[in-house]
Amino acid sequence: MSLSAADINFATELFNNIPDLTTRKMFGGLGIYSDGVIFALMKSDTQMLLKAQDPEFEAKLTAMGSEKWTYPRKNGGISSMPYWTLPDSALDDPDLANVLAREALALQR
């Protein structure tokens, strides 16, 4: 499944206060960048994810209901990526989505 123009528009509107926002289609999903730094993904099923590699930020996201992105491997194991689901509350609140995105970006720079 590939993302529609409406899905991409939702992502750019959600993060409309992030400077130098760009997107790039990849693997059926979407990479979301600020000034060339990836901070979020939209998976092909439209699930939104934030990059988080800081334990305190991960704990904050978890407390907000986020889950770490994991997937099954061919050998039966589980792998994970440094991305966490965007809290449901942020999907309905662009101000909160932008606060979290800025925090994700600050921890990468």
Protein backbone atom coordinates (compact mmCIF):
# COMPACT_ATOMS: atom_id res chain seq x y z
CA MET A 1 0.00 0.00 0.00
CA SER A 2 1.29 3.44 -0.91
CA LEU A 3 0.46 6.69 0.82
CA SER A 4 -2.00 9.02 -0.89
CA ALA A 5 -1.58 12.73 -1.50
CA ALA A 6 -4.09 13.30 1.33
CA ASP A 7 -1.93 11.24 3.73
CA ILE A 8 1.16 13.27 2.83
CA ASN A 9 -0.80 16.50 3.20
CA PHE A 10 -1.93 15.39 6.69
CA ALA A 11 1.70 14.84 7.71
CA THR A 12 2.87 18.22 6.42
CA GLU A 13 -0.07 20.01 8.04
CA LEU A 14 0.49 18.20 11.35
CA PHE A 15 4.11 19.38 11.47
CA ASN A 16 3.49 22.76 9.84
CA ASN A 17 5.53 24.70 12.43
CA ILE A 18 8.71 22.69 11.91
CA PRO A 19 11.31 24.73 10.00
CA ASP A 20 12.50 23.64 6.55
CA LEU A 21 10.02 20.73 6.52
CA THR A 22 10.45 18.29 3.65
CA THR A 23 9.23 14.78 2.95
CA ARG A 24 10.49 11.87 0.91
CA LYS A 25 8.64 8.75 -0.11
CA MET A 26 10.42 5.57 0.92
CA PHE A 27 9.41 1.91 1.10
CA GLY A 28 5.74 2.77 0.63
CA GLY A 29 5.90 5.22 3.53
CA LEU A 30 7.21 8.72 4.08
CA GLY A 31 10.33 10.17 5.70
CA ILE A 32 9.70 13.55 7.36
CA TYR A 33 12.67 15.91 7.69
CA SER A 34 13.63 19.29 9.08
CA ASP A 35 16.63 20.89 7.41
CA GLY A 36 17.65 17.48 6.08
CA VAL A 37 17.39 15.68 9.44
CA ILE A 38 14.81 12.89 9.63
CA PHE A 39 12.66 13.12 12.75
CA ALA A 40 9.52 11.20 11.83
CA LEU A 41 8.11 8.52 9.57
CA MET A 42 4.68 7.77 8.27
CA LYS A 43 4.37 4.06 7.59
CA SER A 44 2.44 2.81 4.58
CA ASP A 45 -0.53 2.09 6.89
CA THR A 46 -0.45 5.85 7.83
CA GLN A 47 0.87 5.20 11.35
CA MET A 48 2.99 8.17 12.40
CA LEU A 49 6.29 7.60 14.24
CA LEU A 50 8.82 9.91 15.92
CA LYS A 51 12.53 9.18 16.12
CA ALA A 52 13.64 8.72 19.72
CA GLN A 53 17.06 7.54 20.84
CA ASP A 54 17.20 9.26 24.22
CA PRO A 55 16.02 7.25 27.26
CA GLU A 56 14.25 10.22 28.87
CA PHE A 57 12.42 11.12 25.66
CA GLU A 58 11.51 7.46 25.15
CA ALA A 59 10.09 7.35 28.70
CA LYS A 60 8.10 10.52 28.06
CA LEU A 61 6.62 9.05 24.88
CA THR A 62 5.83 5.78 26.65
CA ALA A 63 4.04 7.68 29.43
CA MET A 64 1.96 9.34 26.71
CA GLY A 65 0.93 5.96 25.29
CA SER A 66 3.55 5.54 22.57
CA GLU A 67 5.00 2.19 21.63
CA LYS A 68 8.37 1.35 20.12
CA TRP A 69 8.29 0.18 16.51
CA THR A 70 9.10 -3.52 16.38
CA TYR A 71 8.75 -6.08 13.64
CA PRO A 72 9.21 -9.85 13.31
CA ARG A 73 12.30 -11.22 11.60
CA LYS A 74 12.34 -14.23 9.30
CA ASN A 75 14.15 -16.27 11.96
CA GLY A 76 11.33 -15.65 14.45
CA GLY A 77 13.15 -12.97 16.41
CA ILE A 78 11.93 -9.44 16.98
CA SER A 79 13.78 -6.36 15.76
CA SER A 80 13.13 -2.77 16.68
CA MET A 81 13.82 0.62 15.17
CA PRO A 82 14.51 3.89 17.04
CA TYR A 83 11.00 5.13 16.27
CA TRP A 84 8.00 5.42 18.57
CA THR A 85 4.35 5.86 17.65
CA LEU A 86 3.14 9.41 17.87
CA PRO A 87 0.78 9.63 20.87
CA ASP A 88 -2.89 9.66 19.86
CA SER A 89 -3.30 13.00 21.60
CA ALA A 90 -0.68 14.53 19.28
CA LEU A 91 -2.44 13.24 16.16
CA ASP A 92 -5.35 15.52 17.04
CA ASP A 93 -3.23 18.40 18.32
CA PRO A 94 -0.69 19.93 15.90
CA ASP A 95 0.72 22.09 18.70
CA LEU A 96 1.60 18.99 20.74
CA ALA A 97 2.86 17.18 17.63
CA ASN A 98 5.20 20.08 16.88
CA VAL A 99 6.48 20.24 20.49
CA LEU A 100 7.33 16.54 20.36
CA ALA A 101 8.89 16.86 16.90
CA ARG A 102 11.08 19.73 18.07
CA GLU A 103 12.20 17.67 21.06
CA ALA A 104 13.03 14.73 18.77
CA LEU A 105 15.03 17.05 16.52
CA ALA A 106 16.88 18.72 19.39
CA LEU A 107 18.08 15.35 20.63
CA GLN A 108 19.56 14.54 17.21
CA ARG A 109 21.54 17.74 16.73
